[in-house]
Amino acid sequence: MELLKNMTMRNYKCIFEESKFYNVYNRGNNRENLFYKYANYEYFLRKFDSYLSDCLDVYSFSLMPNHFHFLVRVKEEIAKENPSLKAMDSLSEKTMDSLNERISEQFRKFFITYSQAINKQQGRVGSLFQKNFKRIEITSERYFAYLVYYIHANPQLHRIVDDFRLYPWSSYKRILTGEPSKLKKEFVIEWFDSKSNYIYSHNRQIELDSIRDLMIED
């Protein structure tokens, strides 16, 4: 099966489909912060894992004070484990809608749970996240490594830190560790051919215009 097609689609509301890659993004309502304390970042990642890990594999991520990015892939076996969905080798339009609805519902529950915790912590009311989270389908194989770089470099691009490689709330350093994790770091390292090439590629400054179609307006 071909990993990725040879085109890109800039569609912020595309549906989730089996085996496809997406850049998933959301930010705080009115650009307000999503994270206020160190513990908030950890809680966010735990809840993401709790609600989404059965549906999605994560290849890279970055959490900034008022927004986040995840590079994810819909798991191939998700429909087979759900009796309400048909076999994945013959997806109908109804099946794809069901799969998309299941994942979207998990995101909704995730956002509600995290919002409730932050609202209680901060004594705030109302929506924490923008209403509709965005996602772009990644359909170009040659852009995968560029997108990993873009997500990791986001904290520096937004001038949150001077060096994104030192930023604690992205997957950049986590991919280099040997610690057990659900993060698909072996896949990412293999994509870059080796750890040394992964590091070298992140040390280079890429021209972001070359992946404009894969970027979500922050």
Protein backbone atom coordinates (compact mmCIF):
# COMPACT_ATOMS: atom_id res chain seq x y z
CA MET A 1 0.00 0.00 0.00
CA GLU A 2 1.33 3.40 -0.97
CA LEU A 3 2.19 5.38 2.15
CA LEU A 4 1.21 8.79 0.84
CA LYS A 5 -0.07 10.17 -2.43
CA ASN A 6 1.77 12.81 -4.43
CA MET A 7 -0.31 15.89 -3.78
CA THR A 8 -1.37 18.07 -0.88
CA MET A 9 -4.81 19.23 0.16
CA ARG A 10 -5.28 22.43 2.15
CA ASN A 11 -8.63 21.61 3.74
CA TYR A 12 -9.06 22.53 7.39
CA LYS A 13 -12.19 20.37 7.78
CA CYS A 14 -11.24 17.26 5.83
CA ILE A 15 -12.59 14.00 7.22
CA PHE A 16 -10.44 11.47 9.04
CA GLU A 17 -9.83 8.35 6.98
CA GLU A 18 -8.04 5.10 7.72
CA SER A 19 -4.23 5.12 7.32
CA LYS A 20 -4.02 8.80 6.34
CA PHE A 21 -1.72 11.43 7.90
CA TYR A 22 -2.92 14.77 9.26
CA ASN A 23 -1.54 17.93 10.78
CA VAL A 24 -4.02 18.55 13.61
CA TYR A 25 -4.16 21.99 15.20
CA ASN A 26 -6.18 24.05 17.64
CA ARG A 27 -5.63 27.16 19.73
CA GLY A 28 -7.15 29.00 22.64
CA ASN A 29 -10.38 30.88 22.16
CA ASN A 30 -9.56 34.50 21.30
CA ARG A 31 -5.90 33.35 21.26
CA GLU A 32 -5.94 32.93 25.05
CA ASN A 33 -3.55 30.52 26.73
CA LEU A 34 -4.24 26.81 26.92
CA PHE A 35 -1.41 26.14 29.36
CA TYR A 36 -0.62 28.04 32.54
CA LYS A 37 1.55 25.64 34.52
CA TYR A 38 4.07 22.89 33.89
CA ALA A 39 1.50 20.36 35.06
CA ASN A 40 -1.00 21.54 32.45
CA TYR A 41 1.22 20.33 29.60
CA GLU A 42 1.60 16.92 31.22
CA TYR A 43 -2.14 16.66 31.91
CA PHE A 44 -2.91 17.64 28.30
CA LEU A 45 -0.67 14.87 26.93
CA ARG A 46 -2.11 12.29 29.32
CA LYS A 47 -5.66 13.15 28.31
CA PHE A 48 -4.75 13.16 24.63
CA ASP A 49 -3.37 9.66 25.10
CA SER A 50 -6.45 8.57 27.04
CA TYR A 51 -8.95 9.76 24.44
CA LEU A 52 -7.10 9.49 21.12
CA SER A 53 -4.42 6.79 21.29
CA ASP A 54 -6.87 4.05 20.31
CA CYS A 55 -7.66 5.97 17.12
CA LEU A 56 -4.46 7.76 16.17
CA ASP A 57 -0.72 7.18 16.04
CA VAL A 58 1.39 10.26 16.85
CA TYR A 59 4.58 11.02 14.90
CA SER A 60 5.41 14.50 16.20
CA PHE A 61 3.85 17.21 18.30
CA SER A 62 4.45 20.62 19.80
CA LEU A 63 2.53 22.37 22.56
CA MET A 64 2.77 26.15 22.74
CA PRO A 65 1.15 28.39 25.39
CA ASN A 66 -1.89 29.14 23.24
CA HIS A 67 -1.92 26.44 20.54
CA PHE A 68 -0.72 22.98 19.59
CA HIS A 69 0.20 20.83 16.59
CA PHE A 70 0.09 17.04 16.20
CA LEU A 71 1.22 15.01 13.21
CA VAL A 72 -0.97 11.92 13.39
CA ARG A 73 -2.03 8.94 11.34
CA VAL A 74 -5.39 7.18 11.65
CA LYS A 75 -4.77 3.60 12.75
CA GLU A 76 -5.44 0.91 10.20
CA GLU A 77 -7.15 -1.42 12.64
CA ILE A 78 -9.56 1.11 14.14
CA ALA A 79 -12.59 0.02 12.08
CA LYS A 80 -11.90 -3.67 12.60
CA GLU A 81 -12.09 -3.15 16.36
CA ASN A 82 -15.39 -1.28 16.08
CA PRO A 83 -18.38 -3.51 15.21
CA SER A 84 -20.30 -0.47 13.95
CA LEU A 85 -17.85 -0.09 11.07
CA LYS A 86 -17.36 -2.32 8.03
CA ALA A 87 -14.11 -4.03 7.02
CA MET A 88 -11.49 -1.50 6.04
CA ASP A 89 -10.71 -3.14 2.71
CA SER A 90 -14.05 -1.97 1.30
CA LEU A 91 -14.84 1.36 2.90
CA SER A 92 -18.17 2.88 1.93
CA GLU A 93 -19.00 6.56 2.30
CA LYS A 94 -21.12 5.67 5.35
CA THR A 95 -18.18 3.82 6.90
CA MET A 96 -15.81 6.75 6.40
CA ASP A 97 -18.38 9.08 7.95
CA SER A 98 -18.66 6.75 10.95
CA LEU A 99 -14.90 6.62 11.35
CA ASN A 100 -14.62 10.39 11.08
CA GLU A 101 -17.44 10.87 13.58
CA ARG A 102 -15.83 8.51 16.07
CA ILE A 103 -12.49 10.34 15.97
CA SER A 104 -14.14 13.76 16.00
CA GLU A 105 -16.21 12.73 19.02
CA GLN A 106 -13.06 11.62 20.85
CA PHE A 107 -11.51 15.01 20.17
CA ARG A 108 -14.66 16.69 21.47
CA LYS A 109 -14.52 14.70 24.72
CA PHE A 110 -10.81 15.41 25.05
CA PHE A 111 -11.28 19.18 24.63
CA ILE A 112 -14.19 19.24 27.11
CA THR A 113 -12.28 17.29 29.76
CA TYR A 114 -9.18 19.46 29.47
CA SER A 115 -11.24 22.69 29.36
CA GLN A 116 -13.11 21.78 32.53
CA ALA A 117 -9.84 21.23 34.38
CA ILE A 118 -8.32 24.54 33.23
CA ASN A 119 -11.50 26.51 33.89
CA LYS A 120 -11.58 25.15 37.43
CA GLN A 121 -7.88 25.87 37.92
CA GLN A 122 -8.09 29.42 36.57
CA GLY A 123 -11.54 30.30 37.85
CA ARG A 124 -12.69 31.03 34.32
CA VAL A 125 -15.88 30.24 32.40
CA GLY A 126 -16.67 29.68 28.76
CA SER A 127 -14.94 27.94 25.89
CA LEU A 128 -11.21 27.37 26.24
CA PHE A 129 -10.59 26.19 22.67
CA GLN A 130 -11.68 27.59 19.34
CA LYS A 131 -14.88 25.86 18.33
CA ASN A 132 -13.62 23.92 15.31
CA PHE A 133 -10.18 22.34 15.45
CA LYS A 134 -8.29 22.26 12.16
CA ARG A 135 -6.62 19.44 10.29
CA ILE A 136 -4.83 19.19 6.97
CA GLU A 137 -4.41 15.86 5.22
CA ILE A 138 -0.77 15.16 4.39
CA THR A 139 -0.79 13.56 0.96
CA SER A 140 2.76 14.20 -0.18
CA GLU A 141 5.42 11.71 0.86
CA ARG A 142 8.32 14.08 0.22
CA TYR A 143 6.93 16.66 2.67
CA PHE A 144 6.74 14.36 5.70
CA ALA A 145 10.19 15.24 7.05
CA TYR A 146 9.60 18.95 6.39
CA LEU A 147 6.40 18.84 8.41
CA VAL A 148 8.13 17.11 11.32
CA TYR A 149 10.66 19.95 11.28
CA TYR A 150 7.93 22.61 11.05
CA ILE A 151 6.05 21.22 14.05
CA HIS A 152 9.23 20.97 16.13
CA ALA A 153 10.38 24.46 15.09
CA ASN A 154 7.03 26.07 15.94
CA PRO A 155 8.08 27.37 19.39
CA GLN A 156 11.03 29.18 17.80
CA LEU A 157 8.98 30.41 14.83
CA HIS A 158 6.59 31.98 17.34
CA ARG A 159 9.51 33.43 19.33
CA ILE A 160 8.65 31.48 22.46
CA VAL A 161 12.23 30.19 22.68
CA ASP A 162 15.51 30.98 20.94
CA ASP A 163 16.26 27.34 20.16
CA PHE A 164 13.39 24.91 19.56
CA ARG A 165 15.70 21.94 20.17
CA LEU A 166 15.73 22.87 23.87
CA TYR A 167 11.97 23.30 24.15
CA PRO A 168 10.51 20.72 26.58
CA TRP A 169 7.00 20.43 25.15
CA SER A 170 7.65 19.01 21.72
CA SER A 171 8.58 15.56 20.47
CA TYR A 172 11.99 16.65 19.13
CA LYS A 173 14.09 15.31 22.03
CA ARG A 174 11.64 12.52 22.87
CA ILE A 175 12.18 10.98 19.45
CA LEU A 176 15.89 10.68 20.24
CA THR A 177 15.42 8.83 23.54
CA GLY A 178 15.23 5.09 23.96
CA GLU A 179 12.49 5.26 26.56
CA PRO A 180 9.32 3.26 25.82
CA SER A 181 6.63 5.44 24.31
CA LYS A 182 3.56 5.35 22.08
CA LEU A 183 5.20 8.06 20.01
CA LYS A 184 6.18 6.57 16.64
CA LYS A 185 9.80 7.61 16.99
CA GLU A 186 11.30 4.57 15.27
CA PHE A 187 9.25 5.37 12.18
CA VAL A 188 10.39 9.00 12.24
CA ILE A 189 14.06 8.06 12.67
CA GLU A 190 13.80 5.59 9.81
CA TRP A 191 12.22 8.29 7.67
CA PHE A 192 15.29 10.46 8.28
CA ASP A 193 17.50 7.36 7.75
CA SER A 194 19.26 7.69 11.12
CA LYS A 195 19.38 9.66 14.37
CA SER A 196 22.37 11.64 13.13
CA ASN A 197 20.53 12.65 9.97
CA TYR A 198 17.44 13.51 12.02
CA ILE A 199 19.58 15.88 14.10
CA TYR A 200 21.36 17.24 11.03
CA SER A 201 18.06 17.89 9.24
CA HIS A 202 16.73 19.81 12.23
CA ASN A 203 19.91 21.89 12.34
CA ARG A 204 19.25 23.12 8.82
CA GLN A 205 16.93 26.05 8.17
CA ILE A 206 14.33 24.97 5.65
CA GLU A 207 12.41 27.37 3.44
CA LEU A 208 8.92 27.27 4.92
CA ASP A 209 7.36 28.41 1.67
CA SER A 210 8.18 24.95 0.35
CA ILE A 211 5.60 23.42 2.70
CA ARG A 212 3.07 26.25 2.79
CA ASP A 213 0.30 23.85 1.72
CA LEU A 214 0.90 21.74 4.83
CA MET A 215 0.93 24.62 7.30
CA ILE A 216 -2.06 25.84 9.27
CA GLU A 217 -2.39 29.56 9.79
CA ASP A 218 -1.60 30.24 13.45
